[in-house]
Amino acid sequence: MNKYELAVVLGANLEDDERSAAMEKVTGYITRFGGTVSKVDEWGKKQLAYEIRKMTEAYYYFITFEAPETAPAEIEANVRIMEQVLRFLIVKQEA
């Protein structure tokens, strides 16, 4: 099992329940592909460096998790098609 961090940027136009449902879905993907979520860090609404889909603000989340080597590709494939997600990035953490 390797340690990873997933950064997720959700649109600022989402309601609280829509954001929590989207994050639940993302963490569900992690557990579905054999991972365990260690921590979900919500940074809140922040200004974007550049406009994405005509939005200048977005909600930032950072998820720390452990998963097998094949999991990040599977998680990425599923998160990529989520409408609520503006940007995401999975990074492997060094031991």
C-alpha atoms as a PDB file:
ATOM      1  CA  MET A   1       0.000   0.000   0.000  1.00  0.00           C
ATOM      2  CA  ASN A   2       1.298   3.422  -1.008  1.00  0.00           C
ATOM      3  CA  LYS A   3       0.346   6.802   0.441  1.00  0.00           C
ATOM      4  CA  TYR A   4      -1.288   9.336  -1.877  1.00  0.00           C
ATOM      5  CA  GLU A   5      -2.816  12.792  -1.725  1.00  0.00           C
ATOM      6  CA  LEU A   6      -5.739  13.761  -3.930  1.00  0.00           C
ATOM      7  CA  ALA A   7      -6.435  17.456  -4.490  1.00  0.00           C
ATOM      8  CA  VAL A   8      -9.979  18.186  -5.669  1.00  0.00           C
ATOM      9  CA  VAL A   9     -11.317  21.559  -6.829  1.00  0.00           C
ATOM     10  CA  LEU A  10     -15.122  21.849  -6.870  1.00  0.00           C
ATOM     11  CA  GLY A  11     -17.141  24.649  -8.450  1.00  0.00           C
ATOM     12  CA  ALA A  12     -18.191  27.541  -6.225  1.00  0.00           C
ATOM     13  CA  ASN A  13     -21.735  27.402  -7.616  1.00  0.00           C
ATOM     14  CA  LEU A  14     -22.483  24.130  -5.754  1.00  0.00           C
ATOM     15  CA  GLU A  15     -24.690  24.072  -2.664  1.00  0.00           C
ATOM     16  CA  ASP A  16     -23.382  22.569   0.593  1.00  0.00           C
ATOM     17  CA  ASP A  17     -25.240  19.284   0.132  1.00  0.00           C
ATOM     18  CA  GLU A  18     -24.030  18.962  -3.488  1.00  0.00           C
ATOM     19  CA  ARG A  19     -20.420  19.512  -2.387  1.00  0.00           C
ATOM     20  CA  SER A  20     -20.668  16.963   0.410  1.00  0.00           C
ATOM     21  CA  ALA A  21     -22.301  14.451  -1.966  1.00  0.00           C
ATOM     22  CA  ALA A  22     -19.498  14.970  -4.503  1.00  0.00           C
ATOM     23  CA  MET A  23     -16.821  14.465  -1.840  1.00  0.00           C
ATOM     24  CA  GLU A  24     -18.632  11.384  -0.560  1.00  0.00           C
ATOM     25  CA  LYS A  25     -18.577  10.023  -4.106  1.00  0.00           C
ATOM     26  CA  VAL A  26     -14.829  10.714  -4.423  1.00  0.00           C
ATOM     27  CA  THR A  27     -14.026   9.018  -1.103  1.00  0.00           C
ATOM     28  CA  GLY A  28     -16.301   6.167  -2.193  1.00  0.00           C
ATOM     29  CA  TYR A  29     -14.142   5.668  -5.284  1.00  0.00           C
ATOM     30  CA  ILE A  30     -11.060   5.479  -3.067  1.00  0.00           C
ATOM     31  CA  THR A  31     -12.552   2.766  -0.857  1.00  0.00           C
ATOM     32  CA  ARG A  32     -14.047   0.913  -3.843  1.00  0.00           C
ATOM     33  CA  PHE A  33     -10.602   0.436  -5.377  1.00  0.00           C
ATOM     34  CA  GLY A  34      -9.013  -0.886  -2.187  1.00  0.00           C
ATOM     35  CA  GLY A  35      -7.905   2.329  -0.495  1.00  0.00           C
ATOM     36  CA  THR A  36      -8.442   3.707   2.978  1.00  0.00           C
ATOM     37  CA  VAL A  37      -8.994   7.412   3.565  1.00  0.00           C
ATOM     38  CA  SER A  38      -6.768   8.838   6.300  1.00  0.00           C
ATOM     39  CA  LYS A  39      -7.823  12.486   6.270  1.00  0.00           C
ATOM     40  CA  VAL A  40     -10.070  14.885   4.338  1.00  0.00           C
ATOM     41  CA  ASP A  41      -8.874  18.465   4.615  1.00  0.00           C
ATOM     42  CA  GLU A  42     -11.338  21.146   3.471  1.00  0.00           C
ATOM     43  CA  TRP A  43      -9.672  24.458   2.622  1.00  0.00           C
ATOM     44  CA  GLY A  44     -12.923  26.209   1.762  1.00  0.00           C
ATOM     45  CA  LYS A  45     -13.619  28.735  -0.986  1.00  0.00           C
ATOM     46  CA  LYS A  46     -10.502  30.239  -2.571  1.00  0.00           C
ATOM     47  CA  GLN A  47      -9.744  32.516  -5.503  1.00  0.00           C
ATOM     48  CA  LEU A  48      -8.625  30.618  -8.616  1.00  0.00           C
ATOM     49  CA  ALA A  49      -5.358  31.578 -10.310  1.00  0.00           C
ATOM     50  CA  TYR A  50      -7.200  31.691 -13.638  1.00  0.00           C
ATOM     51  CA  GLU A  51     -10.805  31.393 -14.782  1.00  0.00           C
ATOM     52  CA  ILE A  52     -12.164  27.860 -15.204  1.00  0.00           C
ATOM     53  CA  ARG A  53     -15.594  27.397 -16.816  1.00  0.00           C
ATOM     54  CA  LYS A  54     -16.271  31.120 -16.244  1.00  0.00           C
ATOM     55  CA  MET A  55     -15.677  30.718 -12.478  1.00  0.00           C
ATOM     56  CA  THR A  56     -13.160  32.736 -10.504  1.00  0.00           C
ATOM     57  CA  GLU A  57     -13.628  30.949  -7.145  1.00  0.00           C
ATOM     58  CA  ALA A  58     -13.786  27.300  -6.125  1.00  0.00           C
ATOM     59  CA  TYR A  59     -13.765  24.984  -3.108  1.00  0.00           C
ATOM     60  CA  TYR A  60     -10.532  23.113  -2.386  1.00  0.00           C
ATOM     61  CA  TYR A  61     -10.289  19.676  -0.753  1.00  0.00           C
ATOM     62  CA  PHE A  62      -7.233  17.532  -0.011  1.00  0.00           C
ATOM     63  CA  ILE A  63      -7.692  13.821   0.699  1.00  0.00           C
ATOM     64  CA  THR A  64      -4.853  11.740   2.152  1.00  0.00           C
ATOM     65  CA  PHE A  65      -5.247   8.008   1.571  1.00  0.00           C
ATOM     66  CA  GLU A  66      -3.444   4.674   1.282  1.00  0.00           C
ATOM     67  CA  ALA A  67      -4.130   2.432  -1.688  1.00  0.00           C
ATOM     68  CA  PRO A  68      -2.558  -0.229  -3.917  1.00  0.00           C
ATOM     69  CA  GLU A  69      -0.526   0.914  -6.939  1.00  0.00           C
ATOM     70  CA  THR A  70      -3.377   0.295  -9.394  1.00  0.00           C
ATOM     71  CA  ALA A  71      -5.925   2.402  -7.487  1.00  0.00           C
ATOM     72  CA  PRO A  72      -4.867   5.942  -8.556  1.00  0.00           C
ATOM     73  CA  ALA A  73      -5.506   5.216 -12.243  1.00  0.00           C
ATOM     74  CA  GLU A  74      -8.967   3.824 -11.442  1.00  0.00           C
ATOM     75  CA  ILE A  75      -9.823   6.727  -9.131  1.00  0.00           C
ATOM     76  CA  GLU A  76      -8.608   9.237 -11.719  1.00  0.00           C
ATOM     77  CA  ALA A  77     -10.739   7.654 -14.457  1.00  0.00           C
ATOM     78  CA  ASN A  78     -13.870   8.042 -12.334  1.00  0.00           C
ATOM     79  CA  VAL A  79     -13.168  11.515 -10.891  1.00  0.00           C
ATOM     80  CA  ARG A  80     -12.343  12.831 -14.381  1.00  0.00           C
ATOM     81  CA  ILE A  81     -15.967  12.362 -15.542  1.00  0.00           C
ATOM     82  CA  MET A  82     -17.595  14.007 -12.509  1.00  0.00           C
ATOM     83  CA  GLU A  83     -19.334  17.251 -13.527  1.00  0.00           C
ATOM     84  CA  GLN A  84     -18.783  18.988 -10.181  1.00  0.00           C
ATOM     85  CA  VAL A  85     -14.984  18.568 -10.302  1.00  0.00           C
ATOM     86  CA  LEU A  86     -13.159  21.432 -12.016  1.00  0.00           C
ATOM     87  CA  ARG A  87      -9.633  20.087 -11.451  1.00  0.00           C
ATOM     88  CA  PHE A  88      -7.975  17.233  -9.559  1.00  0.00           C
ATOM     89  CA  LEU A  89      -4.518  15.815  -9.006  1.00  0.00           C
ATOM     90  CA  ILE A  90      -3.288  12.611  -7.383  1.00  0.00           C
ATOM     91  CA  VAL A  91       0.258  12.711  -5.992  1.00  0.00           C
ATOM     92  CA  LYS A  92       2.193   9.815  -4.474  1.00  0.00           C
ATOM     93  CA  GLN A  93       3.732  10.774  -1.137  1.00  0.00           C
ATOM     94  CA  GLU A  94       7.299   9.732  -0.395  1.00  0.00           C
ATOM     95  CA  ALA A  95       7.866   7.359   2.502  1.00  0.00           C
END
